[in-house]
């Protein structure tokens, strides 16, 4: 979606700009922003040096789920949002493609008053981050791709994990999520019951609609980045766990090798949710990359946080 497609952009508070909470001494501001015909719920936290960091979450997940990770980036402004059909963002009028979603995000960046931001995409959000960097390269400074893949050309995950992923049931039933989490997410998620309980509560409180979830699945099915990854000019950090049932490590290796300024960091023993189970350590890696661009400083991340 081009700038012409977006039309007039007007920010407006959803029943007033709301301060939801204070995390790490900084207030988290939630508001509704209109980009063209679409309203998007946005959460902005922190102030600091450098470019803001835009966070794009996985399929069906709200921006609130980034909270454990954001706590360790309190020195930087971070922006998270709910995709159409998720949480506080209503469904799109038409089934969105990755191209249209990237235009929506570019419009959101502009509406928030930024000409350029750093972008971190997780899982499904990593695919959207790639499309954003391709379609709107001037909106992106540096790119972080976490637990993600290059679309339908990817090496598929474990069959049972993929079958669970096809349904949003885990967003409606916290008990179901706790039962399937080790199979779905892998790694050390079982050693973080408190984090899993928090995620289960947030997911159930603000689940995606069935249509919104289906739209996200459909947008990904016909999308791939492999033909053009070699043309991405951005410095890119690719983060991947070596025990991810959803996205096998080989996908990250392929992506990092295709992106000219790409670097790979393997998180040993980690599953799909290492951004949260090892939030402090991974936040440090991301911060170093955004500040210095030295993604090659550490080839692997070892150890884990304890609950």
C-alpha atoms as a PDB file:
ATOM      1  CA  UNK A   1       0.000   0.000   0.000  1.00  0.00           C
ATOM      2  CA  UNK A   2       1.543   3.287  -1.097  1.00  0.00           C
ATOM      3  CA  UNK A   3       1.270   6.670   0.592  1.00  0.00           C
ATOM      4  CA  UNK A   4      -1.600   7.442  -1.737  1.00  0.00           C
ATOM      5  CA  UNK A   5      -3.421   4.346  -0.489  1.00  0.00           C
ATOM      6  CA  UNK A   6      -3.122   5.458   3.122  1.00  0.00           C
ATOM      7  CA  UNK A   7      -4.831   8.804   2.675  1.00  0.00           C
ATOM      8  CA  UNK A   8      -5.251  11.250   5.530  1.00  0.00           C
ATOM      9  CA  UNK A   9      -3.794  10.076   8.823  1.00  0.00           C
ATOM     10  CA  UNK A  10      -5.195  11.446  12.026  1.00  0.00           C
ATOM     11  CA  UNK A  11      -4.177  10.306  15.483  1.00  0.00           C
ATOM     12  CA  UNK A  12      -6.942  10.164  18.014  1.00  0.00           C
ATOM     13  CA  UNK A  13      -7.112   8.847  21.561  1.00  0.00           C
ATOM     14  CA  UNK A  14      -9.387   5.892  22.223  1.00  0.00           C
ATOM     15  CA  UNK A  15     -11.498   7.372  25.023  1.00  0.00           C
ATOM     16  CA  UNK A  16      -8.482   9.498  25.850  1.00  0.00           C
ATOM     17  CA  UNK A  17      -4.822   8.578  25.882  1.00  0.00           C
ATOM     18  CA  UNK A  18      -4.482   6.010  28.639  1.00  0.00           C
ATOM     19  CA  UNK A  19      -1.515   5.337  30.899  1.00  0.00           C
ATOM     20  CA  UNK A  20      -1.819   1.605  31.406  1.00  0.00           C
ATOM     21  CA  UNK A  21       1.044   0.932  33.769  1.00  0.00           C
ATOM     22  CA  UNK A  22       4.522   1.828  34.834  1.00  0.00           C
ATOM     23  CA  UNK A  23       7.290  -0.548  33.799  1.00  0.00           C
ATOM     24  CA  UNK A  24      10.878   0.048  34.897  1.00  0.00           C
ATOM     25  CA  UNK A  25       9.806   3.473  36.150  1.00  0.00           C
ATOM     26  CA  UNK A  26       8.495   4.508  32.725  1.00  0.00           C
ATOM     27  CA  UNK A  27       4.863   4.962  31.822  1.00  0.00           C
ATOM     28  CA  UNK A  28       3.365   2.858  29.069  1.00  0.00           C
ATOM     29  CA  UNK A  29       1.029   4.935  26.929  1.00  0.00           C
ATOM     30  CA  UNK A  30      -1.724   3.232  24.979  1.00  0.00           C
ATOM     31  CA  UNK A  31      -3.701   5.007  22.281  1.00  0.00           C
ATOM     32  CA  UNK A  32      -5.638   4.348  19.114  1.00  0.00           C
ATOM     33  CA  UNK A  33      -4.183   5.717  15.883  1.00  0.00           C
ATOM     34  CA  UNK A  34      -6.048   5.944  12.603  1.00  0.00           C
ATOM     35  CA  UNK A  35      -4.092   5.107   9.454  1.00  0.00           C
ATOM     36  CA  UNK A  36      -6.382   5.492   6.467  1.00  0.00           C
ATOM     37  CA  UNK A  37      -9.500   3.440   7.258  1.00  0.00           C
ATOM     38  CA  UNK A  38      -7.796   1.276   9.859  1.00  0.00           C
ATOM     39  CA  UNK A  39      -7.603   1.942  13.582  1.00  0.00           C
ATOM     40  CA  UNK A  40      -4.511   0.527  15.270  1.00  0.00           C
ATOM     41  CA  UNK A  41      -3.954   0.220  19.013  1.00  0.00           C
ATOM     42  CA  UNK A  42      -0.428   1.402  19.812  1.00  0.00           C
ATOM     43  CA  UNK A  43       1.641   1.173  23.004  1.00  0.00           C
ATOM     44  CA  UNK A  44       4.589   3.562  23.382  1.00  0.00           C
ATOM     45  CA  UNK A  45       7.043   3.299  26.245  1.00  0.00           C
ATOM     46  CA  UNK A  46      10.186   5.144  27.268  1.00  0.00           C
ATOM     47  CA  UNK A  47      12.367   7.900  26.039  1.00  0.00           C
ATOM     48  CA  UNK A  48      16.012   7.698  25.170  1.00  0.00           C
ATOM     49  CA  UNK A  49      18.821   8.252  22.726  1.00  0.00           C
ATOM     50  CA  UNK A  50      18.779   6.688  19.298  1.00  0.00           C
ATOM     51  CA  UNK A  51      15.939   5.694  17.026  1.00  0.00           C
ATOM     52  CA  UNK A  52      12.733   4.257  18.465  1.00  0.00           C
ATOM     53  CA  UNK A  53      12.428   0.482  18.240  1.00  0.00           C
ATOM     54  CA  UNK A  54       9.241  -0.782  16.592  1.00  0.00           C
ATOM     55  CA  UNK A  55       8.183  -4.241  17.809  1.00  0.00           C
ATOM     56  CA  UNK A  56       6.051  -6.477  15.555  1.00  0.00           C
ATOM     57  CA  UNK A  57       4.611  -9.514  17.326  1.00  0.00           C
ATOM     58  CA  UNK A  58       3.761 -13.025  16.197  1.00  0.00           C
ATOM     59  CA  UNK A  59       0.478 -14.316  14.846  1.00  0.00           C
ATOM     60  CA  UNK A  60      -2.519 -13.459  17.026  1.00  0.00           C
ATOM     61  CA  UNK A  61      -0.405 -11.765  19.701  1.00  0.00           C
ATOM     62  CA  UNK A  62      -0.931  -8.248  21.040  1.00  0.00           C
ATOM     63  CA  UNK A  63       1.811  -5.732  21.670  1.00  0.00           C
ATOM     64  CA  UNK A  64       1.308  -6.211  25.414  1.00  0.00           C
ATOM     65  CA  UNK A  65       3.120  -9.544  25.280  1.00  0.00           C
ATOM     66  CA  UNK A  66       6.386  -7.700  24.622  1.00  0.00           C
ATOM     67  CA  UNK A  67       6.335  -6.343  28.181  1.00  0.00           C
ATOM     68  CA  UNK A  68       8.974  -8.722  29.675  1.00  0.00           C
ATOM     69  CA  UNK A  69      11.342  -7.814  26.845  1.00  0.00           C
ATOM     70  CA  UNK A  70      10.663  -4.070  27.005  1.00  0.00           C
ATOM     71  CA  UNK A  71      11.536  -3.970  30.692  1.00  0.00           C
ATOM     72  CA  UNK A  72      15.166  -4.439  29.693  1.00  0.00           C
ATOM     73  CA  UNK A  73      15.118  -1.696  27.057  1.00  0.00           C
ATOM     74  CA  UNK A  74      13.977   1.118  29.332  1.00  0.00           C
ATOM     75  CA  UNK A  75      16.667   3.438  27.952  1.00  0.00           C
ATOM     76  CA  UNK A  76      15.075   3.385  24.508  1.00  0.00           C
ATOM     77  CA  UNK A  77      11.659   4.352  23.198  1.00  0.00           C
ATOM     78  CA  UNK A  78       9.798   1.236  22.085  1.00  0.00           C
ATOM     79  CA  UNK A  79       6.613   1.047  20.037  1.00  0.00           C
ATOM     80  CA  UNK A  80       4.341  -1.997  19.941  1.00  0.00           C
ATOM     81  CA  UNK A  81       0.916  -2.403  18.374  1.00  0.00           C
ATOM     82  CA  UNK A  82      -1.953  -4.797  17.769  1.00  0.00           C
ATOM     83  CA  UNK A  83      -2.323  -5.993  14.185  1.00  0.00           C
ATOM     84  CA  UNK A  84      -5.798  -5.764  12.578  1.00  0.00           C
ATOM     85  CA  UNK A  85      -8.156  -8.268  14.159  1.00  0.00           C
ATOM     86  CA  UNK A  86      -5.977  -8.598  17.269  1.00  0.00           C
ATOM     87  CA  UNK A  87      -6.541  -7.086  20.725  1.00  0.00           C
ATOM     88  CA  UNK A  88      -7.616  -3.476  20.446  1.00  0.00           C
ATOM     89  CA  UNK A  89      -7.320  -3.192  16.652  1.00  0.00           C
ATOM     90  CA  UNK A  90     -10.487  -3.991  14.687  1.00  0.00           C
ATOM     91  CA  UNK A  91     -10.456  -6.365  11.727  1.00  0.00           C
ATOM     92  CA  UNK A  92      -9.451  -4.988   8.346  1.00  0.00           C
ATOM     93  CA  UNK A  93     -12.247  -4.292   5.865  1.00  0.00           C
ATOM     94  CA  UNK A  94     -10.583  -6.621   3.353  1.00  0.00           C
ATOM     95  CA  UNK A  95      -8.226  -9.581   3.885  1.00  0.00           C
ATOM     96  CA  UNK A  96      -4.820  -7.877   4.150  1.00  0.00           C
ATOM     97  CA  UNK A  97      -1.785  -9.021   2.194  1.00  0.00           C
ATOM     98  CA  UNK A  98       1.742  -8.656   3.566  1.00  0.00           C
ATOM     99  CA  UNK A  99       2.218  -5.808   1.113  1.00  0.00           C
ATOM    100  CA  UNK A 100      -0.809  -3.925   2.429  1.00  0.00           C
ATOM    101  CA  UNK A 101       0.147  -4.610   6.029  1.00  0.00           C
ATOM    102  CA  UNK A 102       3.622  -3.210   5.395  1.00  0.00           C
ATOM    103  CA  UNK A 103       1.993  -0.064   4.009  1.00  0.00           C
ATOM    104  CA  UNK A 104      -0.149   0.161   7.129  1.00  0.00           C
ATOM    105  CA  UNK A 105       2.943  -0.054   9.354  1.00  0.00           C
ATOM    106  CA  UNK A 106       4.794   2.527   7.261  1.00  0.00           C
ATOM    107  CA  UNK A 107       1.790   4.821   7.674  1.00  0.00           C
ATOM    108  CA  UNK A 108       1.771   4.160  11.415  1.00  0.00           C
ATOM    109  CA  UNK A 109       5.460   5.113  11.688  1.00  0.00           C
ATOM    110  CA  UNK A 110       4.722   8.338   9.846  1.00  0.00           C
ATOM    111  CA  UNK A 111       1.631   9.058  11.922  1.00  0.00           C
ATOM    112  CA  UNK A 112       3.635   8.696  15.139  1.00  0.00           C
ATOM    113  CA  UNK A 113       5.976  11.414  13.892  1.00  0.00           C
ATOM    114  CA  UNK A 114       9.003   9.309  12.948  1.00  0.00           C
ATOM    115  CA  UNK A 115      10.763   9.293   9.618  1.00  0.00           C
ATOM    116  CA  UNK A 116      12.803   6.188  10.422  1.00  0.00           C
ATOM    117  CA  UNK A 117      12.829   3.537  13.141  1.00  0.00           C
ATOM    118  CA  UNK A 118      14.659   0.371  14.079  1.00  0.00           C
ATOM    119  CA  UNK A 119      12.410  -2.671  13.640  1.00  0.00           C
ATOM    120  CA  UNK A 120      12.244  -5.995  15.482  1.00  0.00           C
ATOM    121  CA  UNK A 121       9.904  -8.644  14.123  1.00  0.00           C
ATOM    122  CA  UNK A 122       9.089 -11.849  15.988  1.00  0.00           C
ATOM    123  CA  UNK A 123       7.882 -14.982  14.149  1.00  0.00           C
ATOM    124  CA  UNK A 124       4.968 -13.884  11.892  1.00  0.00           C
ATOM    125  CA  UNK A 125       6.002 -10.331  12.739  1.00  0.00           C
ATOM    126  CA  UNK A 126       9.472 -11.065  11.377  1.00  0.00           C
ATOM    127  CA  UNK A 127       7.952 -11.816   7.994  1.00  0.00           C
ATOM    128  CA  UNK A 128       6.075  -8.506   8.099  1.00  0.00           C
ATOM    129  CA  UNK A 129       9.301  -6.739   9.156  1.00  0.00           C
ATOM    130  CA  UNK A 130      11.046  -8.131   6.074  1.00  0.00           C
ATOM    131  CA  UNK A 131       8.236  -6.907   3.821  1.00  0.00           C
ATOM    132  CA  UNK A 132       8.333  -3.484   5.491  1.00  0.00           C
ATOM    133  CA  UNK A 133      12.089  -3.240   4.880  1.00  0.00           C
ATOM    134  CA  UNK A 134      11.578  -4.232   1.250  1.00  0.00           C
ATOM    135  CA  UNK A 135       8.624  -1.975   0.426  1.00  0.00           C
ATOM    136  CA  UNK A 136       9.544   0.985   2.629  1.00  0.00           C
ATOM    137  CA  UNK A 137      13.337   0.850   3.051  1.00  0.00           C
ATOM    138  CA  UNK A 138      13.605   4.486   4.107  1.00  0.00           C
ATOM    139  CA  UNK A 139      11.348   3.844   7.103  1.00  0.00           C
ATOM    140  CA  UNK A 140      13.757   1.239   8.521  1.00  0.00           C
ATOM    141  CA  UNK A 141      17.236   1.874   9.890  1.00  0.00           C
ATOM    142  CA  UNK A 142      18.268  -1.513  11.319  1.00  0.00           C
ATOM    143  CA  UNK A 143      16.405  -4.790  11.305  1.00  0.00           C
ATOM    144  CA  UNK A 144      16.157  -7.552  13.912  1.00  0.00           C
ATOM    145  CA  UNK A 145      14.496 -10.807  12.834  1.00  0.00           C
ATOM    146  CA  UNK A 146      13.702 -13.120  15.759  1.00  0.00           C
ATOM    147  CA  UNK A 147      12.445 -16.718  15.485  1.00  0.00           C
ATOM    148  CA  UNK A 148      11.188 -16.096  11.971  1.00  0.00           C
ATOM    149  CA  UNK A 149      11.382 -17.418   8.424  1.00  0.00           C
ATOM    150  CA  UNK A 150      11.235 -16.466   4.724  1.00  0.00           C
ATOM    151  CA  UNK A 151       7.607 -17.492   4.135  1.00  0.00           C
ATOM    152  CA  UNK A 152       6.129 -20.476   2.291  1.00  0.00           C
ATOM    153  CA  UNK A 153       9.570 -21.494   1.021  1.00  0.00           C
ATOM    154  CA  UNK A 154      10.682 -22.187   4.611  1.00  0.00           C
ATOM    155  CA  UNK A 155      11.754 -25.530   5.987  1.00  0.00           C
ATOM    156  CA  UNK A 156       8.594 -26.496   7.937  1.00  0.00           C
ATOM    157  CA  UNK A 157       8.418 -27.051  11.678  1.00  0.00           C
ATOM    158  CA  UNK A 158       7.433 -30.175  13.558  1.00  0.00           C
ATOM    159  CA  UNK A 159       4.027 -31.461  12.392  1.00  0.00           C
ATOM    160  CA  UNK A 160       2.363 -31.450  15.820  1.00  0.00           C
ATOM    161  CA  UNK A 161       3.541 -27.912  16.584  1.00  0.00           C
ATOM    162  CA  UNK A 162       2.336 -26.703  13.197  1.00  0.00           C
ATOM    163  CA  UNK A 163      -1.084 -28.294  13.688  1.00  0.00           C
ATOM    164  CA  UNK A 164      -1.479 -26.457  17.012  1.00  0.00           C
ATOM    165  CA  UNK A 165      -0.448 -23.199  15.347  1.00  0.00           C
ATOM    166  CA  UNK A 166      -3.219 -23.431  12.757  1.00  0.00           C
ATOM    167  CA  UNK A 167      -5.862 -22.625  15.404  1.00  0.00           C
ATOM    168  CA  UNK A 168      -6.111 -19.652  17.819  1.00  0.00           C
ATOM    169  CA  UNK A 169      -7.497 -21.927  20.591  1.00  0.00           C
ATOM    170  CA  UNK A 170      -4.477 -21.204  22.804  1.00  0.00           C
ATOM    171  CA  UNK A 171      -5.610 -17.578  22.938  1.00  0.00           C
ATOM    172  CA  UNK A 172      -9.013 -18.501  24.333  1.00  0.00           C
ATOM    173  CA  UNK A 173      -8.026 -21.162  26.861  1.00  0.00           C
ATOM    174  CA  UNK A 174      -5.118 -20.532  29.296  1.00  0.00           C
ATOM    175  CA  UNK A 175      -5.264 -24.183  30.406  1.00  0.00           C
ATOM    176  CA  UNK A 176      -4.899 -25.362  26.830  1.00  0.00           C
ATOM    177  CA  UNK A 177      -1.937 -23.037  26.279  1.00  0.00           C
ATOM    178  CA  UNK A 178      -0.161 -24.361  29.357  1.00  0.00           C
ATOM    179  CA  UNK A 179      -0.695 -27.949  28.160  1.00  0.00           C
ATOM    180  CA  UNK A 180       0.574 -27.408  24.630  1.00  0.00           C
ATOM    181  CA  UNK A 181       3.317 -24.841  25.334  1.00  0.00           C
ATOM    182  CA  UNK A 182       6.242 -27.314  25.583  1.00  0.00           C
ATOM    183  CA  UNK A 183       5.191 -28.980  22.313  1.00  0.00           C
ATOM    184  CA  UNK A 184       4.468 -25.715  20.524  1.00  0.00           C
ATOM    185  CA  UNK A 185       7.287 -23.493  21.754  1.00  0.00           C
ATOM    186  CA  UNK A 186      10.031 -25.936  22.784  1.00  0.00           C
ATOM    187  CA  UNK A 187      13.229 -24.895  24.525  1.00  0.00           C
ATOM    188  CA  UNK A 188      13.110 -23.857  28.153  1.00  0.00           C
ATOM    189  CA  UNK A 189       9.526 -22.570  28.327  1.00  0.00           C
ATOM    190  CA  UNK A 190       8.703 -25.265  30.909  1.00  0.00           C
ATOM    191  CA  UNK A 191      11.122 -23.637  33.349  1.00  0.00           C
ATOM    192  CA  UNK A 192       9.185 -20.362  33.254  1.00  0.00           C
ATOM    193  CA  UNK A 193       5.724 -21.113  34.688  1.00  0.00           C
ATOM    194  CA  UNK A 194       5.227 -17.549  35.907  1.00  0.00           C
ATOM    195  CA  UNK A 195       5.977 -16.075  32.486  1.00  0.00           C
ATOM    196  CA  UNK A 196       3.750 -18.640  30.796  1.00  0.00           C
ATOM    197  CA  UNK A 197       0.898 -17.859  33.199  1.00  0.00           C
ATOM    198  CA  UNK A 198       1.284 -14.145  32.490  1.00  0.00           C
ATOM    199  CA  UNK A 199       1.250 -14.758  28.749  1.00  0.00           C
ATOM    200  CA  UNK A 200      -1.775 -17.044  29.043  1.00  0.00           C
ATOM    201  CA  UNK A 201      -3.691 -14.381  30.960  1.00  0.00           C
ATOM    202  CA  UNK A 202      -2.820 -11.611  28.510  1.00  0.00           C
ATOM    203  CA  UNK A 203      -3.679 -13.772  25.507  1.00  0.00           C
ATOM    204  CA  UNK A 204      -7.073 -14.752  26.932  1.00  0.00           C
ATOM    205  CA  UNK A 205      -7.854 -11.148  27.937  1.00  0.00           C
ATOM    206  CA  UNK A 206      -7.171  -9.780  24.440  1.00  0.00           C
ATOM    207  CA  UNK A 207      -7.469 -12.640  21.963  1.00  0.00           C
ATOM    208  CA  UNK A 208      -7.537 -12.260  18.188  1.00  0.00           C
ATOM    209  CA  UNK A 209     -10.816 -12.733  16.416  1.00  0.00           C
ATOM    210  CA  UNK A 210     -11.082 -15.958  14.425  1.00  0.00           C
ATOM    211  CA  UNK A 211     -11.275 -13.900  11.244  1.00  0.00           C
ATOM    212  CA  UNK A 212      -8.309 -11.747  12.234  1.00  0.00           C
ATOM    213  CA  UNK A 213      -6.225 -14.851  12.952  1.00  0.00           C
ATOM    214  CA  UNK A 214      -7.283 -16.416   9.651  1.00  0.00           C
ATOM    215  CA  UNK A 215      -6.330 -13.227   7.802  1.00  0.00           C
ATOM    216  CA  UNK A 216      -2.843 -13.366   9.303  1.00  0.00           C
ATOM    217  CA  UNK A 217      -2.414 -17.002   8.287  1.00  0.00           C
ATOM    218  CA  UNK A 218      -3.653 -16.267   4.777  1.00  0.00           C
ATOM    219  CA  UNK A 219      -1.342 -13.271   4.346  1.00  0.00           C
ATOM    220  CA  UNK A 220       1.654 -15.510   5.008  1.00  0.00           C
ATOM    221  CA  UNK A 221       0.676 -18.468   2.846  1.00  0.00           C
ATOM    222  CA  UNK A 222       1.408 -16.778  -0.482  1.00  0.00           C
ATOM    223  CA  UNK A 223       4.365 -14.736   0.719  1.00  0.00           C
ATOM    224  CA  UNK A 224       8.088 -15.407   0.492  1.00  0.00           C
ATOM    225  CA  UNK A 225      11.172 -13.232   0.857  1.00  0.00           C
ATOM    226  CA  UNK A 226      13.780 -15.601  -0.588  1.00  0.00           C
ATOM    227  CA  UNK A 227      13.772 -14.075  -4.106  1.00  0.00           C
ATOM    228  CA  UNK A 228      14.674 -10.608  -2.809  1.00  0.00           C
ATOM    229  CA  UNK A 229      16.452 -10.994   0.539  1.00  0.00           C
ATOM    230  CA  UNK A 230      19.763 -10.423  -1.239  1.00  0.00           C
ATOM    231  CA  UNK A 231      18.582  -6.910  -2.113  1.00  0.00           C
ATOM    232  CA  UNK A 232      17.867  -5.770   1.455  1.00  0.00           C
ATOM    233  CA  UNK A 233      20.349  -2.978   2.241  1.00  0.00           C
ATOM    234  CA  UNK A 234      19.770  -2.891   5.999  1.00  0.00           C
ATOM    235  CA  UNK A 235      22.098  -4.177   8.662  1.00  0.00           C
ATOM    236  CA  UNK A 236      20.192  -7.160   9.980  1.00  0.00           C
ATOM    237  CA  UNK A 237      20.491  -9.291  13.086  1.00  0.00           C
ATOM    238  CA  UNK A 238      18.897 -12.746  12.758  1.00  0.00           C
ATOM    239  CA  UNK A 239      18.141 -14.396  16.112  1.00  0.00           C
ATOM    240  CA  UNK A 240      17.127 -18.047  16.349  1.00  0.00           C
ATOM    241  CA  UNK A 241      16.811 -20.796  18.937  1.00  0.00           C
ATOM    242  CA  UNK A 242      18.228 -24.234  18.160  1.00  0.00           C
ATOM    243  CA  UNK A 243      15.199 -26.009  19.708  1.00  0.00           C
ATOM    244  CA  UNK A 244      12.345 -24.190  17.983  1.00  0.00           C
ATOM    245  CA  UNK A 245       9.544 -26.602  16.970  1.00  0.00           C
ATOM    246  CA  UNK A 246       7.799 -23.967  14.845  1.00  0.00           C
ATOM    247  CA  UNK A 247      10.729 -22.572  12.857  1.00  0.00           C
ATOM    248  CA  UNK A 248      13.797 -24.811  12.523  1.00  0.00           C
ATOM    249  CA  UNK A 249      17.200 -23.166  12.834  1.00  0.00           C
ATOM    250  CA  UNK A 250      18.089 -23.856   9.201  1.00  0.00           C
ATOM    251  CA  UNK A 251      15.679 -21.078   8.147  1.00  0.00           C
ATOM    252  CA  UNK A 252      17.648 -18.482  10.090  1.00  0.00           C
ATOM    253  CA  UNK A 253      20.898 -19.736   8.581  1.00  0.00           C
ATOM    254  CA  UNK A 254      19.457 -19.370   5.076  1.00  0.00           C
ATOM    255  CA  UNK A 255      18.152 -15.860   5.762  1.00  0.00           C
ATOM    256  CA  UNK A 256      21.366 -14.597   7.360  1.00  0.00           C
ATOM    257  CA  UNK A 257      23.387 -15.942   4.442  1.00  0.00           C
ATOM    258  CA  UNK A 258      21.108 -14.243   1.892  1.00  0.00           C
ATOM    259  CA  UNK A 259      21.023 -10.776   3.470  1.00  0.00           C
ATOM    260  CA  UNK A 260      24.234  -8.918   2.505  1.00  0.00           C
ATOM    261  CA  UNK A 261      24.598  -7.203   5.887  1.00  0.00           C
ATOM    262  CA  UNK A 262      23.014 -10.049   7.856  1.00  0.00           C
ATOM    263  CA  UNK A 263      24.456 -11.709  10.948  1.00  0.00           C
ATOM    264  CA  UNK A 264      23.179 -14.780  12.792  1.00  0.00           C
ATOM    265  CA  UNK A 265      22.995 -15.311  16.552  1.00  0.00           C
ATOM    266  CA  UNK A 266      22.021 -18.785  17.706  1.00  0.00           C
ATOM    267  CA  UNK A 267      20.448 -19.037  21.158  1.00  0.00           C
ATOM    268  CA  UNK A 268      21.503 -22.436  22.429  1.00  0.00           C
ATOM    269  CA  UNK A 269      18.828 -24.597  24.034  1.00  0.00           C
ATOM    270  CA  UNK A 270      16.155 -22.017  23.268  1.00  0.00           C
ATOM    271  CA  UNK A 271      12.762 -22.507  21.700  1.00  0.00           C
ATOM    272  CA  UNK A 272      10.404 -20.143  19.930  1.00  0.00           C
ATOM    273  CA  UNK A 273       9.920 -17.727  22.852  1.00  0.00           C
ATOM    274  CA  UNK A 274      13.555 -16.978  23.753  1.00  0.00           C
ATOM    275  CA  UNK A 275      12.835 -13.273  23.405  1.00  0.00           C
ATOM    276  CA  UNK A 276      10.845 -13.621  26.642  1.00  0.00           C
ATOM    277  CA  UNK A 277      12.411 -16.579  28.478  1.00  0.00           C
ATOM    278  CA  UNK A 278      15.839 -14.943  28.110  1.00  0.00           C
ATOM    279  CA  UNK A 279      14.632 -11.371  27.882  1.00  0.00           C
ATOM    280  CA  UNK A 280      17.480  -9.613  29.694  1.00  0.00           C
ATOM    281  CA  UNK A 281      20.238 -11.369  27.791  1.00  0.00           C
ATOM    282  CA  UNK A 282      18.632 -11.038  24.379  1.00  0.00           C
ATOM    283  CA  UNK A 283      17.770  -7.391  25.048  1.00  0.00           C
ATOM    284  CA  UNK A 284      21.482  -6.824  25.638  1.00  0.00           C
ATOM    285  CA  UNK A 285      22.354  -8.424  22.306  1.00  0.00           C
ATOM    286  CA  UNK A 286      19.727  -6.345  20.511  1.00  0.00           C
ATOM    287  CA  UNK A 287      20.842  -3.137  22.238  1.00  0.00           C
ATOM    288  CA  UNK A 288      24.478  -3.738  21.259  1.00  0.00           C
ATOM    289  CA  UNK A 289      23.461  -4.334  17.663  1.00  0.00           C
ATOM    290  CA  UNK A 290      21.284  -1.226  17.459  1.00  0.00           C
ATOM    291  CA  UNK A 291      23.969   0.980  19.006  1.00  0.00           C
ATOM    292  CA  UNK A 292      27.093  -0.372  17.284  1.00  0.00           C
ATOM    293  CA  UNK A 293      25.788  -2.538  14.467  1.00  0.00           C
ATOM    294  CA  UNK A 294      28.229  -5.214  15.627  1.00  0.00           C
ATOM    295  CA  UNK A 295      25.998  -8.240  15.261  1.00  0.00           C
ATOM    296  CA  UNK A 296      29.093 -10.364  14.826  1.00  0.00           C
ATOM    297  CA  UNK A 297      30.290  -9.551  18.366  1.00  0.00           C
ATOM    298  CA  UNK A 298      28.722 -12.755  19.695  1.00  0.00           C
ATOM    299  CA  UNK A 299      27.926 -15.699  17.465  1.00  0.00           C
ATOM    300  CA  UNK A 300      25.884 -17.455  20.107  1.00  0.00           C
ATOM    301  CA  UNK A 301      23.946 -16.675  23.266  1.00  0.00           C
ATOM    302  CA  UNK A 302      24.348 -19.179  26.046  1.00  0.00           C
ATOM    303  CA  UNK A 303      22.721 -19.748  29.387  1.00  0.00           C
ATOM    304  CA  UNK A 304      19.217 -18.918  30.487  1.00  0.00           C
ATOM    305  CA  UNK A 305      17.392 -16.854  33.006  1.00  0.00           C
ATOM    306  CA  UNK A 306      15.877 -18.553  36.002  1.00  0.00           C
ATOM    307  CA  UNK A 307      12.325 -18.046  37.143  1.00  0.00           C
END
